[in-house]
Amino acid sequence: MKKRDLERLKKKLLKKKEELLSKLEELGKETSEEGEPLIEYYDKATYQFNKEYKIALGQKDAEILKDIEDALRKMEDGTYGVCEECGKPIPIKRLTAVPWARYCVECAEKHEMEREAEEEEYY
């Protein structure tokens, strides 16, 4: 991978990291028990649903944040852009779209199919 591409991707990762940290901080304030608004009984269920939904979104953002941290670490140790499954280089086009990608497209699709199969078994 060209040094220029690596620097560009690192900037994207750092920018996304800042966005997620800010978003998670704001989410933490919104979902804390302190400052919970006084609401009518009828609105409690809606309020609780919205709160749980925001927490779920926050969990997804936290997962992406972890992937970003891993990608930045890989940049430092020289293993960035290598599929964790097959060991092949991840195409620059994929890394440009998802700079924290762990897998090449083929392996990512395989993991997604496995995850979907596990969810179907669960339900």
Protein backbone atom coordinates (compact mmCIF):
# COMPACT_ATOMS: atom_id res chain seq x y z
CA MET A 1 0.00 0.00 0.00
CA LYS A 2 1.27 3.43 -0.88
CA LYS A 3 2.30 5.69 1.97
CA ARG A 4 -0.03 8.42 0.65
CA ASP A 5 -3.01 6.02 0.78
CA LEU A 6 -2.07 4.91 4.27
CA GLU A 7 -1.92 8.51 5.52
CA ARG A 8 -5.28 9.33 3.92
CA LEU A 9 -6.89 6.29 5.50
CA LYS A 10 -5.36 7.10 8.88
CA LYS A 11 -6.89 10.57 8.74
CA LYS A 12 -10.29 9.04 7.94
CA LEU A 13 -9.94 6.65 10.87
CA LEU A 14 -8.98 9.40 13.29
CA LYS A 15 -11.85 11.60 12.11
CA LYS A 16 -14.37 8.77 12.50
CA LYS A 17 -12.92 7.97 15.92
CA GLU A 18 -13.50 11.55 17.07
CA GLU A 19 -17.06 11.51 15.72
CA LEU A 20 -17.87 8.27 17.51
CA LEU A 21 -16.32 9.39 20.79
CA SER A 22 -18.35 12.57 20.68
CA LYS A 23 -21.52 10.67 19.76
CA LEU A 24 -20.99 8.11 22.53
CA GLU A 25 -20.34 10.85 25.07
CA GLU A 26 -23.57 12.60 24.08
CA LEU A 27 -25.44 9.31 24.15
CA GLY A 28 -24.13 8.66 27.63
CA LYS A 29 -25.56 11.96 28.79
CA GLU A 30 -28.91 11.28 27.12
CA THR A 31 -29.34 7.80 28.55
CA SER A 32 -28.13 8.42 32.09
CA GLU A 33 -30.67 7.97 34.83
CA GLU A 34 -29.82 11.39 36.15
CA GLY A 35 -31.89 14.02 34.51
CA GLU A 36 -34.53 11.56 33.33
CA PRO A 37 -37.46 13.73 32.39
CA LEU A 38 -40.67 13.57 34.34
CA ILE A 39 -43.09 11.99 31.93
CA GLU A 40 -46.60 10.65 32.08
CA TYR A 41 -47.24 6.95 32.56
CA TYR A 42 -48.34 6.58 28.91
CA ASP A 43 -45.07 7.94 27.66
CA LYS A 44 -42.90 5.71 29.86
CA ALA A 45 -42.92 2.80 27.41
CA THR A 46 -42.01 5.04 24.49
CA TYR A 47 -39.30 6.74 26.54
CA GLN A 48 -37.86 3.37 27.61
CA PHE A 49 -37.94 2.02 24.05
CA ASN A 50 -36.13 5.11 22.75
CA LYS A 51 -33.57 4.86 25.51
CA GLU A 52 -32.88 1.18 24.78
CA TYR A 53 -32.69 1.91 21.06
CA LYS A 54 -30.08 4.60 21.66
CA ILE A 55 -28.11 2.22 23.86
CA ALA A 56 -28.16 -0.41 21.10
CA LEU A 57 -26.91 2.18 18.60
CA GLY A 58 -24.22 3.14 21.08
CA GLN A 59 -23.12 -0.49 21.34
CA LYS A 60 -22.75 -0.68 17.55
CA ASP A 61 -20.76 2.56 17.58
CA ALA A 62 -18.57 1.14 20.37
CA GLU A 63 -17.87 -1.93 18.21
CA ILE A 64 -16.83 0.29 15.30
CA LEU A 65 -14.67 2.34 17.66
CA LYS A 66 -12.89 -0.86 18.73
CA ASP A 67 -12.38 -1.79 15.08
CA ILE A 68 -10.93 1.67 14.43
CA GLU A 69 -8.53 1.30 17.35
CA ASP A 70 -7.48 -2.10 16.00
CA ALA A 71 -6.95 -0.62 12.52
CA LEU A 72 -4.79 2.18 13.92
CA ARG A 73 -2.75 -0.38 15.89
CA LYS A 74 -2.33 -2.45 12.72
CA MET A 75 -1.05 0.64 10.91
CA GLU A 76 1.62 0.97 13.58
CA ASP A 77 2.71 -2.67 13.40
CA GLY A 78 2.50 -2.93 9.60
CA THR A 79 -0.39 -5.40 9.35
CA TYR A 80 -3.07 -2.94 8.23
CA GLY A 81 -4.98 -3.85 5.08
CA VAL A 82 -4.53 -7.61 5.46
CA CYS A 83 -7.62 -9.83 5.77
CA GLU A 84 -7.76 -11.47 9.20
CA GLU A 85 -9.37 -14.56 7.68
CA CYS A 86 -7.43 -15.43 4.52
CA GLY A 87 -4.36 -13.21 4.88
CA LYS A 88 -4.81 -11.59 1.47
CA PRO A 89 -4.54 -7.83 1.01
CA ILE A 90 -7.81 -5.94 1.39
CA PRO A 91 -8.35 -3.87 -1.77
CA ILE A 92 -7.81 -0.12 -1.38
CA LYS A 93 -11.31 0.47 -2.71
CA ARG A 94 -12.77 -1.46 0.25
CA LEU A 95 -10.49 0.27 2.74
CA THR A 96 -11.49 3.64 1.34
CA ALA A 97 -15.15 2.77 1.91
CA VAL A 98 -14.62 1.09 5.30
CA PRO A 99 -11.14 1.97 6.61
CA TRP A 100 -11.65 -0.24 9.69
CA ALA A 101 -12.45 -3.33 7.58
CA ARG A 102 -11.03 -6.54 9.06
CA TYR A 103 -11.81 -8.78 6.11
CA CYS A 104 -11.72 -8.78 2.32
CA VAL A 105 -15.15 -8.75 0.65
CA GLU A 106 -15.30 -12.52 0.20
CA CYS A 107 -14.45 -13.29 3.83
CA ALA A 108 -16.73 -10.50 5.10
CA GLU A 109 -19.62 -12.02 3.16
CA LYS A 110 -18.80 -15.43 4.62
CA HIS A 111 -18.81 -14.01 8.16
CA GLU A 112 -22.10 -12.22 7.51
CA MET A 113 -23.74 -15.41 6.28
CA GLU A 114 -22.49 -17.28 9.36
CA ARG A 115 -23.80 -14.53 11.65
CA GLU A 116 -27.20 -14.61 9.96
CA ALA A 117 -27.34 -18.41 10.27
CA GLU A 118 -26.54 -18.13 13.99
CA GLU A 119 -29.30 -15.56 14.46
CA GLU A 120 -31.81 -17.80 12.67
CA GLU A 121 -30.86 -20.69 14.98
CA TYR A 122 -31.30 -18.42 17.99
CA TYR A 123 -34.83 -17.39 17.01
